[in-house]
PDB file of N, CA and C in Angstrom:
ATOM      1  N   MET A   1     -20.204 -18.829   7.758  1.00  0.00           N
ATOM      2  CA  MET A   1     -20.840 -18.057   8.826  1.00  0.00           C
ATOM      3  C   MET A   1     -22.348 -18.085   8.683  1.00  0.00           C
ATOM      4  N   ASP A   2     -22.849 -17.918   7.457  1.00  0.00           N
ATOM      5  CA  ASP A   2     -24.292 -17.874   7.262  1.00  0.00           C
ATOM      6  C   ASP A   2     -24.953 -19.106   7.859  1.00  0.00           C
ATOM      7  N   GLY A   3     -26.032 -18.893   8.614  1.00  0.00           N
ATOM      8  CA  GLY A   3     -26.826 -19.985   9.144  1.00  0.00           C
ATOM      9  C   GLY A   3     -26.369 -20.561  10.467  1.00  0.00           C
ATOM     10  N   HIS A   4     -25.222 -20.128  10.987  1.00  0.00           N
ATOM     11  CA  HIS A   4     -24.729 -20.684  12.239  1.00  0.00           C
ATOM     12  C   HIS A   4     -25.306 -19.994  13.470  1.00  0.00           C
ATOM     13  N   TRP A   5     -25.698 -18.755  13.339  1.00  0.00           N
ATOM     14  CA  TRP A   5     -26.231 -17.991  14.457  1.00  0.00           C
ATOM     15  C   TRP A   5     -27.657 -17.548  14.132  1.00  0.00           C
ATOM     16  N   LEU A   6     -28.492 -17.454  15.161  1.00  0.00           N
ATOM     17  CA  LEU A   6     -29.856 -16.976  14.994  1.00  0.00           C
ATOM     18  C   LEU A   6     -30.032 -15.667  15.756  1.00  0.00           C
ATOM     19  N   CYS A   7     -30.848 -14.785  15.209  1.00  0.00           N
ATOM     20  CA  CYS A   7     -31.175 -13.529  15.886  1.00  0.00           C
ATOM     21  C   CYS A   7     -31.988 -13.858  17.127  1.00  0.00           C
ATOM     22  N   ARG A   8     -31.602 -13.309  18.239  1.00  0.00           N
ATOM     23  CA  ARG A   8     -32.314 -13.559  19.495  1.00  0.00           C
ATOM     24  C   ARG A   8     -33.729 -12.973  19.460  1.00  0.00           C
ATOM     25  N   LYS A   9     -33.877 -11.842  18.793  1.00  0.00           N
ATOM     26  CA  LYS A   9     -35.162 -11.164  18.732  1.00  0.00           C
ATOM     27  C   LYS A   9     -36.107 -11.822  17.722  1.00  0.00           C
ATOM     28  N   CYS A  10     -35.603 -12.121  16.517  1.00  0.00           N
ATOM     29  CA  CYS A  10     -36.457 -12.583  15.419  1.00  0.00           C
ATOM     30  C   CYS A  10     -36.390 -14.088  15.156  1.00  0.00           C
ATOM     31  N   GLY A  11     -35.313 -14.728  15.608  1.00  0.00           N
ATOM     32  CA  GLY A  11     -35.143 -16.149  15.356  1.00  0.00           C
ATOM     33  C   GLY A  11     -34.662 -16.471  13.946  1.00  0.00           C
ATOM     34  N   GLN A  12     -34.308 -15.456  13.176  1.00  0.00           N
ATOM     35  CA  GLN A  12     -33.847 -15.647  11.798  1.00  0.00           C
ATOM     36  C   GLN A  12     -32.348 -15.935  11.772  1.00  0.00           C
ATOM     37  N   PRO A  13     -31.891 -16.751  10.803  1.00  0.00           N
ATOM     38  CA  PRO A  13     -30.451 -16.974  10.642  1.00  0.00           C
ATOM     39  C   PRO A  13     -29.751 -15.669  10.251  1.00  0.00           C
ATOM     40  N   LEU A  14     -28.598 -15.412  10.841  1.00  0.00           N
ATOM     41  CA  LEU A  14     -27.836 -14.207  10.516  1.00  0.00           C
ATOM     42  C   LEU A  14     -27.103 -14.403   9.197  1.00  0.00           C
ATOM     43  N   LYS A  15     -27.016 -13.327   8.419  1.00  0.00           N
ATOM     44  CA  LYS A  15     -26.321 -13.316   7.136  1.00  0.00           C
ATOM     45  C   LYS A  15     -25.221 -12.271   7.196  1.00  0.00           C
ATOM     46  N   LEU A  16     -24.080 -12.567   6.559  1.00  0.00           N
ATOM     47  CA  LEU A  16     -22.999 -11.583   6.529  1.00  0.00           C
ATOM     48  C   LEU A  16     -23.431 -10.366   5.726  1.00  0.00           C
ATOM     49  N   GLN A  17     -23.202  -9.186   6.314  1.00  0.00           N
ATOM     50  CA  GLN A  17     -23.577  -7.942   5.672  1.00  0.00           C
ATOM     51  C   GLN A  17     -22.562  -6.868   6.057  1.00  0.00           C
ATOM     52  N   LYS A  18     -22.246  -6.006   5.124  1.00  0.00           N
ATOM     53  CA  LYS A  18     -21.282  -4.931   5.366  1.00  0.00           C
ATOM     54  C   LYS A  18     -21.880  -3.914   6.345  1.00  0.00           C
ATOM     55  N   ALA A  19     -21.109  -3.589   7.380  1.00  0.00           N
ATOM     56  CA  ALA A  19     -21.500  -2.560   8.349  1.00  0.00           C
ATOM     57  C   ALA A  19     -20.438  -1.470   8.326  1.00  0.00           C
ATOM     58  N   VAL A  20     -20.864  -0.237   8.449  1.00  0.00           N
ATOM     59  CA  VAL A  20     -19.938   0.899   8.451  1.00  0.00           C
ATOM     60  C   VAL A  20     -19.907   1.490   9.853  1.00  0.00           C
ATOM     61  N   PHE A  21     -18.712   1.663  10.373  1.00  0.00           N
ATOM     62  CA  PHE A  21     -18.498   2.249  11.693  1.00  0.00           C
ATOM     63  C   PHE A  21     -17.889   3.622  11.527  1.00  0.00           C
ATOM     64  N   GLU A  22     -18.309   4.569  12.360  1.00  0.00           N
ATOM     65  CA  GLU A  22     -17.742   5.916  12.339  1.00  0.00           C
ATOM     66  C   GLU A  22     -17.193   6.256  13.718  1.00  0.00           C
ATOM     67  N   TYR A  23     -16.019   6.888  13.707  1.00  0.00           N
ATOM     68  CA  TYR A  23     -15.391   7.300  14.963  1.00  0.00           C
ATOM     69  C   TYR A  23     -14.534   8.522  14.698  1.00  0.00           C
ATOM     70  N   LEU A  24     -14.762   9.575  15.438  1.00  0.00           N
ATOM     71  CA  LEU A  24     -13.998  10.821  15.318  1.00  0.00           C
ATOM     72  C   LEU A  24     -13.921  11.310  13.873  1.00  0.00           C
ATOM     73  N   GLY A  25     -15.042  11.211  13.162  1.00  0.00           N
ATOM     74  CA  GLY A  25     -15.091  11.704  11.790  1.00  0.00           C
ATOM     75  C   GLY A  25     -14.497  10.779  10.746  1.00  0.00           C
ATOM     76  N   HIS A  26     -14.013   9.614  11.140  1.00  0.00           N
ATOM     77  CA  HIS A  26     -13.455   8.633  10.203  1.00  0.00           C
ATOM     78  C   HIS A  26     -14.368   7.415  10.197  1.00  0.00           C
ATOM     79  N   SER A  27     -14.341   6.681   9.099  1.00  0.00           N
ATOM     80  CA  SER A  27     -15.174   5.485   9.040  1.00  0.00           C
ATOM     81  C   SER A  27     -14.387   4.305   8.483  1.00  0.00           C
ATOM     82  N   PHE A  28     -14.823   3.102   8.857  1.00  0.00           N
ATOM     83  CA  PHE A  28     -14.286   1.873   8.297  1.00  0.00           C
ATOM     84  C   PHE A  28     -15.426   0.873   8.230  1.00  0.00           C
ATOM     85  N   SER A  29     -15.282  -0.104   7.347  1.00  0.00           N
ATOM     86  CA  SER A  29     -16.350  -1.086   7.198  1.00  0.00           C
ATOM     87  C   SER A  29     -15.839  -2.481   7.535  1.00  0.00           C
ATOM     88  N   HIS A  30     -16.788  -3.344   7.866  1.00  0.00           N
ATOM     89  CA  HIS A  30     -16.472  -4.727   8.223  1.00  0.00           C
ATOM     90  C   HIS A  30     -17.730  -5.556   7.987  1.00  0.00           C
ATOM     91  N   GLU A  31     -17.569  -6.782   7.511  1.00  0.00           N
ATOM     92  CA  GLU A  31     -18.729  -7.646   7.331  1.00  0.00           C
ATOM     93  C   GLU A  31     -19.087  -8.294   8.658  1.00  0.00           C
ATOM     94  N   LEU A  32     -20.358  -8.182   9.029  1.00  0.00           N
ATOM     95  CA  LEU A  32     -20.846  -8.718  10.305  1.00  0.00           C
ATOM     96  C   LEU A  32     -22.063  -9.602  10.081  1.00  0.00           C
ATOM     97  N   PRO A  33     -22.235 -10.615  10.930  1.00  0.00           N
ATOM     98  CA  PRO A  33     -23.466 -11.390  10.888  1.00  0.00           C
ATOM     99  C   PRO A  33     -24.626 -10.469  11.307  1.00  0.00           C
ATOM    100  N   THR A  34     -25.625 -10.350  10.437  1.00  0.00           N
ATOM    101  CA  THR A  34     -26.720  -9.402  10.649  1.00  0.00           C
ATOM    102  C   THR A  34     -28.060 -10.079  10.395  1.00  0.00           C
ATOM    103  N   CYS A  35     -29.056  -9.728  11.173  1.00  0.00           N
ATOM    104  CA  CYS A  35     -30.401 -10.265  11.002  1.00  0.00           C
ATOM    105  C   CYS A  35     -31.046  -9.607   9.784  1.00  0.00           C
ATOM    106  N   PRO A  36     -31.534 -10.403   8.826  1.00  0.00           N
ATOM    107  CA  PRO A  36     -32.176  -9.823   7.650  1.00  0.00           C
ATOM    108  C   PRO A  36     -33.540  -9.202   7.960  1.00  0.00           C
ATOM    109  N   THR A  37     -34.120  -9.512   9.119  1.00  0.00           N
ATOM    110  CA  THR A  37     -35.432  -8.986   9.474  1.00  0.00           C
ATOM    111  C   THR A  37     -35.339  -7.667  10.230  1.00  0.00           C
ATOM    112  N   CYS A  38     -34.597  -7.651  11.345  1.00  0.00           N
ATOM    113  CA  CYS A  38     -34.553  -6.439  12.174  1.00  0.00           C
ATOM    114  C   CYS A  38     -33.293  -5.598  11.953  1.00  0.00           C
ATOM    115  N   GLY A  39     -32.270  -6.172  11.316  1.00  0.00           N
ATOM    116  CA  GLY A  39     -31.061  -5.412  11.005  1.00  0.00           C
ATOM    117  C   GLY A  39     -30.032  -5.353  12.114  1.00  0.00           C
ATOM    118  N   LYS A  40     -30.296  -6.010  13.250  1.00  0.00           N
ATOM    119  CA  LYS A  40     -29.309  -6.005  14.341  1.00  0.00           C
ATOM    120  C   LYS A  40     -28.110  -6.867  13.939  1.00  0.00           C
ATOM    121  N   SER A  41     -26.913  -6.410  14.309  1.00  0.00           N
ATOM    122  CA  SER A  41     -25.680  -7.120  13.971  1.00  0.00           C
ATOM    123  C   SER A  41     -25.020  -7.686  15.211  1.00  0.00           C
ATOM    124  N   MET A  42     -24.281  -8.753  15.019  1.00  0.00           N
ATOM    125  CA  MET A  42     -23.514  -9.358  16.103  1.00  0.00           C
ATOM    126  C   MET A  42     -22.053  -8.949  15.925  1.00  0.00           C
ATOM    127  N   ILE A  43     -21.491  -8.345  16.946  1.00  0.00           N
ATOM    128  CA  ILE A  43     -20.085  -7.944  16.910  1.00  0.00           C
ATOM    129  C   ILE A  43     -19.314  -8.900  17.797  1.00  0.00           C
ATOM    130  N   SER A  44     -18.332  -9.586  17.216  1.00  0.00           N
ATOM    131  CA  SER A  44     -17.540 -10.550  17.976  1.00  0.00           C
ATOM    132  C   SER A  44     -16.662  -9.821  18.997  1.00  0.00           C
ATOM    133  N   SER A  45     -16.278 -10.536  20.040  1.00  0.00           N
ATOM    134  CA  SER A  45     -15.398  -9.930  21.042  1.00  0.00           C
ATOM    135  C   SER A  45     -14.053  -9.585  20.414  1.00  0.00           C
ATOM    136  N   GLU A  46     -13.607 -10.394  19.455  1.00  0.00           N
ATOM    137  CA  GLU A  46     -12.338 -10.109  18.767  1.00  0.00           C
ATOM    138  C   GLU A  46     -12.399  -8.767  18.052  1.00  0.00           C
ATOM    139  N   LEU A  47     -13.482  -8.518  17.330  1.00  0.00           N
ATOM    140  CA  LEU A  47     -13.627  -7.250  16.619  1.00  0.00           C
ATOM    141  C   LEU A  47     -13.712  -6.100  17.612  1.00  0.00           C
ATOM    142  N   ALA A  48     -14.517  -6.257  18.638  1.00  0.00           N
ATOM    143  CA  ALA A  48     -14.707  -5.184  19.616  1.00  0.00           C
ATOM    144  C   ALA A  48     -13.423  -4.866  20.372  1.00  0.00           C
ATOM    145  N   GLU A  49     -12.694  -5.890  20.769  1.00  0.00           N
ATOM    146  CA  GLU A  49     -11.513  -5.676  21.611  1.00  0.00           C
ATOM    147  C   GLU A  49     -10.253  -5.366  20.806  1.00  0.00           C
ATOM    148  N   ASN A  50     -10.124  -5.949  19.623  1.00  0.00           N
ATOM    149  CA  ASN A  50      -8.877  -5.781  18.880  1.00  0.00           C
ATOM    150  C   ASN A  50      -8.968  -4.749  17.770  1.00  0.00           C
ATOM    151  N   LYS A  51      -9.796  -4.992  16.787  1.00  0.00           N
ATOM    152  CA  LYS A  51      -9.860  -4.113  15.620  1.00  0.00           C
ATOM    153  C   LYS A  51     -10.322  -2.715  15.983  1.00  0.00           C
ATOM    154  N   MET A  52     -11.372  -2.614  16.766  1.00  0.00           N
ATOM    155  CA  MET A  52     -11.878  -1.289  17.123  1.00  0.00           C
ATOM    156  C   MET A  52     -10.888  -0.539  18.012  1.00  0.00           C
ATOM    157  N   ALA A  53     -10.219  -1.249  18.901  1.00  0.00           N
ATOM    158  CA  ALA A  53      -9.204  -0.610  19.744  1.00  0.00           C
ATOM    159  C   ALA A  53      -8.035  -0.126  18.895  1.00  0.00           C
ATOM    160  N   GLU A  54      -7.678  -0.914  17.883  1.00  0.00           N
ATOM    161  CA  GLU A  54      -6.591  -0.534  16.970  1.00  0.00           C
ATOM    162  C   GLU A  54      -6.958   0.723  16.183  1.00  0.00           C
ATOM    163  N   VAL A  55      -8.168   0.768  15.660  1.00  0.00           N
ATOM    164  CA  VAL A  55      -8.633   1.936  14.908  1.00  0.00           C
ATOM    165  C   VAL A  55      -8.705   3.134  15.837  1.00  0.00           C
ATOM    166  N   GLU A  56      -9.231   2.949  17.035  1.00  0.00           N
ATOM    167  CA  GLU A  56      -9.329   4.038  18.001  1.00  0.00           C
ATOM    168  C   GLU A  56      -7.949   4.621  18.307  1.00  0.00           C
ATOM    169  N   ALA A  57      -6.973   3.763  18.565  1.00  0.00           N
ATOM    170  CA  ALA A  57      -5.628   4.236  18.883  1.00  0.00           C
ATOM    171  C   ALA A  57      -5.005   4.989  17.713  1.00  0.00           C
ATOM    172  N   THR A  58      -5.209   4.470  16.517  1.00  0.00           N
ATOM    173  CA  THR A  58      -4.665   5.121  15.314  1.00  0.00           C
ATOM    174  C   THR A  58      -5.256   6.502  15.138  1.00  0.00           C
ATOM    175  N   LEU A  59      -6.564   6.619  15.288  1.00  0.00           N
ATOM    176  CA  LEU A  59      -7.223   7.906  15.093  1.00  0.00           C
ATOM    177  C   LEU A  59      -6.892   8.902  16.187  1.00  0.00           C
ATOM    178  N   GLU A  60      -6.768   8.431  17.425  1.00  0.00           N
ATOM    179  CA  GLU A  60      -6.465   9.340  18.523  1.00  0.00           C
ATOM    180  C   GLU A  60      -5.033   9.851  18.458  1.00  0.00           C
ATOM    181  N   ASP A  61      -4.134   9.109  17.802  1.00  0.00           N
ATOM    182  CA  ASP A  61      -2.740   9.534  17.661  1.00  0.00           C
ATOM    183  C   ASP A  61      -2.584  10.655  16.642  1.00  0.00           C
ATOM    184  N   LYS A  62      -3.587  10.822  15.783  1.00  0.00           N
ATOM    185  CA  LYS A  62      -3.510  11.844  14.717  1.00  0.00           C
ATOM    186  C   LYS A  62      -3.799  13.213  15.252  1.00  0.00           C
TER     187      LYS A  62
END
């Protein structure tokens, strides 16, 4: 993954970095391509549509 994508803002290669997500008082982490300069992360459509929806459904069922 490293070096395949560039930050649109900074032009720097994205590096995999752990990101923590919080939802309804619960958190989970996932490694995301992140700009080492500005810290912006790229979230894939797969992560946004599948994993986050799965976590959301699990938490809302509790």
